[in-house]
N, C-alpha and C. Protein backbone atom coordinates (compact mmCIF):
# COMPACT_ATOMS: atom_id res chain seq x y z
N UNK A 1 -19.95 -61.80 210.28
CA UNK A 1 -20.21 -62.07 208.88
C UNK A 1 -19.02 -62.84 208.31
N UNK A 2 -19.32 -63.98 207.71
CA UNK A 2 -18.22 -64.75 207.12
C UNK A 2 -17.99 -64.33 205.67
N UNK A 3 -16.97 -64.90 205.06
CA UNK A 3 -16.56 -64.50 203.73
C UNK A 3 -17.66 -64.77 202.70
N UNK A 4 -18.35 -65.89 202.82
CA UNK A 4 -19.41 -66.25 201.88
C UNK A 4 -20.55 -65.24 201.94
N UNK A 5 -20.97 -64.87 203.11
CA UNK A 5 -22.04 -63.89 203.25
C UNK A 5 -21.61 -62.53 202.69
N UNK A 6 -20.36 -62.20 202.95
CA UNK A 6 -19.82 -60.94 202.46
C UNK A 6 -19.85 -60.88 200.93
N UNK A 7 -19.44 -61.97 200.26
CA UNK A 7 -19.44 -62.02 198.80
C UNK A 7 -20.86 -62.02 198.25
N UNK A 8 -21.76 -62.71 198.94
CA UNK A 8 -23.16 -62.72 198.51
C UNK A 8 -23.78 -61.33 198.60
N UNK A 9 -23.39 -60.58 199.61
CA UNK A 9 -23.88 -59.21 199.74
C UNK A 9 -23.44 -58.36 198.55
N UNK A 10 -22.17 -58.52 198.15
CA UNK A 10 -21.69 -57.80 196.98
C UNK A 10 -22.44 -58.21 195.71
N UNK A 11 -22.72 -59.49 195.57
CA UNK A 11 -23.48 -59.96 194.41
C UNK A 11 -24.86 -59.33 194.37
N UNK A 12 -25.52 -59.26 195.52
CA UNK A 12 -26.86 -58.66 195.59
C UNK A 12 -26.82 -57.18 195.22
N UNK A 13 -25.80 -56.49 195.71
CA UNK A 13 -25.67 -55.06 195.40
C UNK A 13 -25.43 -54.87 193.90
N UNK A 14 -24.59 -55.70 193.31
CA UNK A 14 -24.34 -55.62 191.86
C UNK A 14 -25.61 -55.90 191.07
N UNK A 15 -26.40 -56.86 191.50
CA UNK A 15 -27.65 -57.17 190.82
C UNK A 15 -28.62 -55.99 190.91
N UNK A 16 -28.69 -55.35 192.05
CA UNK A 16 -29.55 -54.18 192.19
C UNK A 16 -29.10 -53.06 191.27
N UNK A 17 -27.80 -52.84 191.17
CA UNK A 17 -27.27 -51.82 190.26
C UNK A 17 -27.63 -52.13 188.82
N UNK A 18 -27.53 -53.39 188.40
CA UNK A 18 -27.84 -53.78 187.04
C UNK A 18 -29.32 -53.56 186.74
N UNK A 19 -30.19 -53.92 187.67
CA UNK A 19 -31.63 -53.72 187.42
C UNK A 19 -31.97 -52.24 187.34
N UNK A 20 -31.33 -51.42 188.17
CA UNK A 20 -31.57 -49.97 188.09
C UNK A 20 -31.07 -49.40 186.78
N UNK A 21 -29.92 -49.88 186.31
CA UNK A 21 -29.38 -49.41 185.04
C UNK A 21 -30.31 -49.81 183.90
N UNK A 22 -30.80 -51.06 183.92
CA UNK A 22 -31.69 -51.53 182.87
C UNK A 22 -32.97 -50.72 182.82
N UNK A 23 -33.51 -50.39 183.98
CA UNK A 23 -34.74 -49.59 184.02
C UNK A 23 -34.48 -48.20 183.48
N UNK A 24 -33.35 -47.63 183.80
CA UNK A 24 -33.03 -46.28 183.35
C UNK A 24 -32.70 -46.25 181.86
N UNK A 25 -32.03 -47.26 181.36
CA UNK A 25 -31.60 -47.28 179.96
C UNK A 25 -32.72 -47.68 179.02
N UNK A 26 -33.67 -48.48 179.46
CA UNK A 26 -34.73 -48.98 178.59
C UNK A 26 -36.10 -48.51 179.05
N UNK A 27 -36.44 -47.27 178.75
CA UNK A 27 -37.79 -46.83 179.11
C UNK A 27 -38.80 -47.56 178.22
N UNK A 28 -40.04 -47.65 178.64
CA UNK A 28 -41.02 -48.36 177.83
C UNK A 28 -41.20 -47.69 176.46
N UNK A 29 -41.32 -48.50 175.44
CA UNK A 29 -41.45 -47.99 174.07
C UNK A 29 -42.84 -47.40 173.85
N UNK A 30 -43.84 -48.07 174.36
CA UNK A 30 -45.22 -47.64 174.17
C UNK A 30 -45.79 -47.10 175.47
N UNK A 31 -46.69 -46.14 175.36
CA UNK A 31 -47.29 -45.56 176.55
C UNK A 31 -48.30 -46.50 177.19
N UNK A 32 -48.97 -47.29 176.36
CA UNK A 32 -49.97 -48.22 176.89
C UNK A 32 -50.09 -49.41 175.96
N UNK A 33 -50.79 -50.43 176.42
CA UNK A 33 -51.01 -51.62 175.58
C UNK A 33 -51.83 -51.27 174.35
N UNK A 34 -52.77 -50.35 174.50
CA UNK A 34 -53.59 -49.94 173.36
C UNK A 34 -52.73 -49.24 172.30
N UNK A 35 -51.83 -48.37 172.74
CA UNK A 35 -50.91 -47.71 171.80
C UNK A 35 -50.06 -48.74 171.07
N UNK A 36 -49.56 -49.71 171.81
CA UNK A 36 -48.74 -50.76 171.21
C UNK A 36 -49.52 -51.51 170.13
N UNK A 37 -50.76 -51.87 170.44
CA UNK A 37 -51.59 -52.61 169.49
C UNK A 37 -51.88 -51.76 168.25
N UNK A 38 -52.23 -50.49 168.45
CA UNK A 38 -52.53 -49.62 167.32
C UNK A 38 -51.33 -49.42 166.41
N UNK A 39 -50.17 -49.20 166.99
CA UNK A 39 -48.96 -48.98 166.20
C UNK A 39 -48.57 -50.24 165.44
N UNK A 40 -48.66 -51.39 166.09
CA UNK A 40 -48.33 -52.64 165.41
C UNK A 40 -49.32 -52.95 164.29
N UNK A 41 -50.60 -52.67 164.52
CA UNK A 41 -51.61 -52.87 163.47
C UNK A 41 -51.34 -51.96 162.28
N UNK A 42 -50.97 -50.71 162.57
CA UNK A 42 -50.65 -49.76 161.50
C UNK A 42 -49.47 -50.26 160.66
N UNK A 43 -48.41 -50.69 161.31
CA UNK A 43 -47.23 -51.16 160.58
C UNK A 43 -47.52 -52.44 159.79
N UNK A 44 -48.36 -53.31 160.33
CA UNK A 44 -48.71 -54.53 159.60
C UNK A 44 -49.54 -54.18 158.36
N UNK A 45 -50.49 -53.24 158.50
CA UNK A 45 -51.29 -52.83 157.35
C UNK A 45 -50.41 -52.18 156.28
N UNK A 46 -49.45 -51.39 156.71
CA UNK A 46 -48.52 -50.76 155.77
C UNK A 46 -47.68 -51.81 155.05
N UNK A 47 -47.24 -52.83 155.79
CA UNK A 47 -46.49 -53.93 155.18
C UNK A 47 -47.34 -54.66 154.15
N UNK A 48 -48.60 -54.95 154.48
CA UNK A 48 -49.47 -55.64 153.54
C UNK A 48 -49.69 -54.83 152.27
N UNK A 49 -49.86 -53.51 152.42
CA UNK A 49 -50.06 -52.64 151.26
C UNK A 49 -48.82 -52.66 150.37
N UNK A 50 -47.64 -52.55 150.98
CA UNK A 50 -46.39 -52.56 150.20
C UNK A 50 -46.17 -53.90 149.52
N UNK A 51 -46.51 -54.99 150.21
CA UNK A 51 -46.35 -56.32 149.61
C UNK A 51 -47.28 -56.48 148.42
N UNK A 52 -48.53 -56.03 148.57
CA UNK A 52 -49.49 -56.16 147.48
C UNK A 52 -49.07 -55.32 146.27
N UNK A 53 -48.58 -54.10 146.52
CA UNK A 53 -48.15 -53.27 145.39
C UNK A 53 -46.92 -53.87 144.71
N UNK A 54 -46.04 -54.50 145.46
CA UNK A 54 -44.86 -55.14 144.86
C UNK A 54 -45.26 -56.36 144.04
N UNK A 55 -46.24 -57.11 144.53
CA UNK A 55 -46.67 -58.31 143.81
C UNK A 55 -47.43 -57.96 142.53
N UNK A 56 -48.09 -56.82 142.50
CA UNK A 56 -48.88 -56.43 141.33
C UNK A 56 -48.11 -55.55 140.36
N UNK A 57 -46.85 -55.27 140.63
CA UNK A 57 -46.04 -54.41 139.79
C UNK A 57 -45.40 -55.23 138.67
N UNK A 58 -45.84 -54.96 137.43
CA UNK A 58 -45.34 -55.73 136.28
C UNK A 58 -43.86 -55.44 136.01
N UNK A 59 -43.44 -54.18 136.21
CA UNK A 59 -42.04 -53.83 135.96
C UNK A 59 -41.12 -54.56 136.93
N UNK A 60 -41.56 -54.69 138.17
CA UNK A 60 -40.76 -55.40 139.16
C UNK A 60 -40.66 -56.88 138.83
N UNK A 61 -41.76 -57.47 138.38
CA UNK A 61 -41.74 -58.89 137.98
C UNK A 61 -40.78 -59.11 136.82
N UNK A 62 -40.79 -58.20 135.85
CA UNK A 62 -39.90 -58.33 134.70
C UNK A 62 -38.44 -58.22 135.14
N UNK A 63 -38.16 -57.32 136.08
CA UNK A 63 -36.79 -57.18 136.56
C UNK A 63 -36.32 -58.42 137.30
N UNK A 64 -37.19 -59.01 138.08
CA UNK A 64 -36.80 -60.19 138.84
C UNK A 64 -36.51 -61.38 137.94
N UNK A 65 -37.16 -61.44 136.79
CA UNK A 65 -36.92 -62.55 135.86
C UNK A 65 -35.69 -62.31 134.99
N UNK A 66 -35.21 -61.09 134.95
CA UNK A 66 -34.05 -60.73 134.13
C UNK A 66 -32.77 -61.27 134.76
N UNK A 67 -31.86 -61.80 133.92
CA UNK A 67 -30.62 -62.37 134.45
C UNK A 67 -29.53 -61.32 134.63
N UNK A 68 -29.32 -60.47 133.64
CA UNK A 68 -28.27 -59.45 133.71
C UNK A 68 -28.91 -58.08 133.94
N UNK A 69 -28.42 -57.38 134.97
CA UNK A 69 -28.96 -56.07 135.30
C UNK A 69 -27.93 -55.00 134.99
N UNK A 70 -28.42 -53.83 134.59
CA UNK A 70 -27.55 -52.67 134.43
C UNK A 70 -28.02 -51.57 135.39
N UNK A 71 -27.42 -50.40 135.32
CA UNK A 71 -27.75 -49.32 136.25
C UNK A 71 -29.20 -48.87 136.14
N UNK A 72 -29.73 -48.87 134.92
CA UNK A 72 -31.14 -48.48 134.74
C UNK A 72 -32.07 -49.45 135.44
N UNK A 73 -31.74 -50.73 135.39
CA UNK A 73 -32.57 -51.73 136.06
C UNK A 73 -32.57 -51.52 137.57
N UNK A 74 -31.41 -51.22 138.12
CA UNK A 74 -31.31 -50.98 139.56
C UNK A 74 -32.11 -49.74 139.94
N UNK A 75 -32.02 -48.69 139.14
CA UNK A 75 -32.79 -47.47 139.41
C UNK A 75 -34.29 -47.74 139.32
N UNK A 76 -34.70 -48.53 138.34
CA UNK A 76 -36.11 -48.88 138.20
C UNK A 76 -36.59 -49.69 139.40
N UNK A 77 -35.76 -50.59 139.87
CA UNK A 77 -36.09 -51.38 141.04
C UNK A 77 -36.28 -50.48 142.27
N UNK A 78 -35.34 -49.57 142.48
CA UNK A 78 -35.44 -48.68 143.63
C UNK A 78 -36.67 -47.78 143.54
N UNK A 79 -36.99 -47.30 142.36
CA UNK A 79 -38.18 -46.46 142.20
C UNK A 79 -39.46 -47.25 142.48
N UNK A 80 -39.48 -48.50 142.07
CA UNK A 80 -40.70 -49.30 142.26
C UNK A 80 -40.88 -49.70 143.72
N UNK A 81 -39.79 -49.77 144.49
CA UNK A 81 -39.90 -50.14 145.89
C UNK A 81 -40.20 -48.95 146.81
N UNK A 82 -40.09 -47.74 146.31
CA UNK A 82 -40.37 -46.56 147.14
C UNK A 82 -41.81 -46.34 147.34
C-alpha cells in the first residue's frame, strides 16, 4: 500500500463516520410523507387565518398608520397579534 492509498483509506473512513453521525444526529422529522403533508397544510391554514385576522383588524391598521407609539400602543399591538 502506498502513501496515496493509505491517505485515501483514511478519507473514506472519515466520510463513513460523518455519514453515521449525520444519521444519528438528524432523525427524520416526520413519520411519513402523509404526516409531513398534513402538518404543513395545517400550518399553512393557520398562517392564512392569522394573516386574514391581522388584515381585517381595524385597531392594527390604525396603529400601523400612527407615527409615534407609546407603551399602550405596543401593548395593543401585542394583544392584537396573539
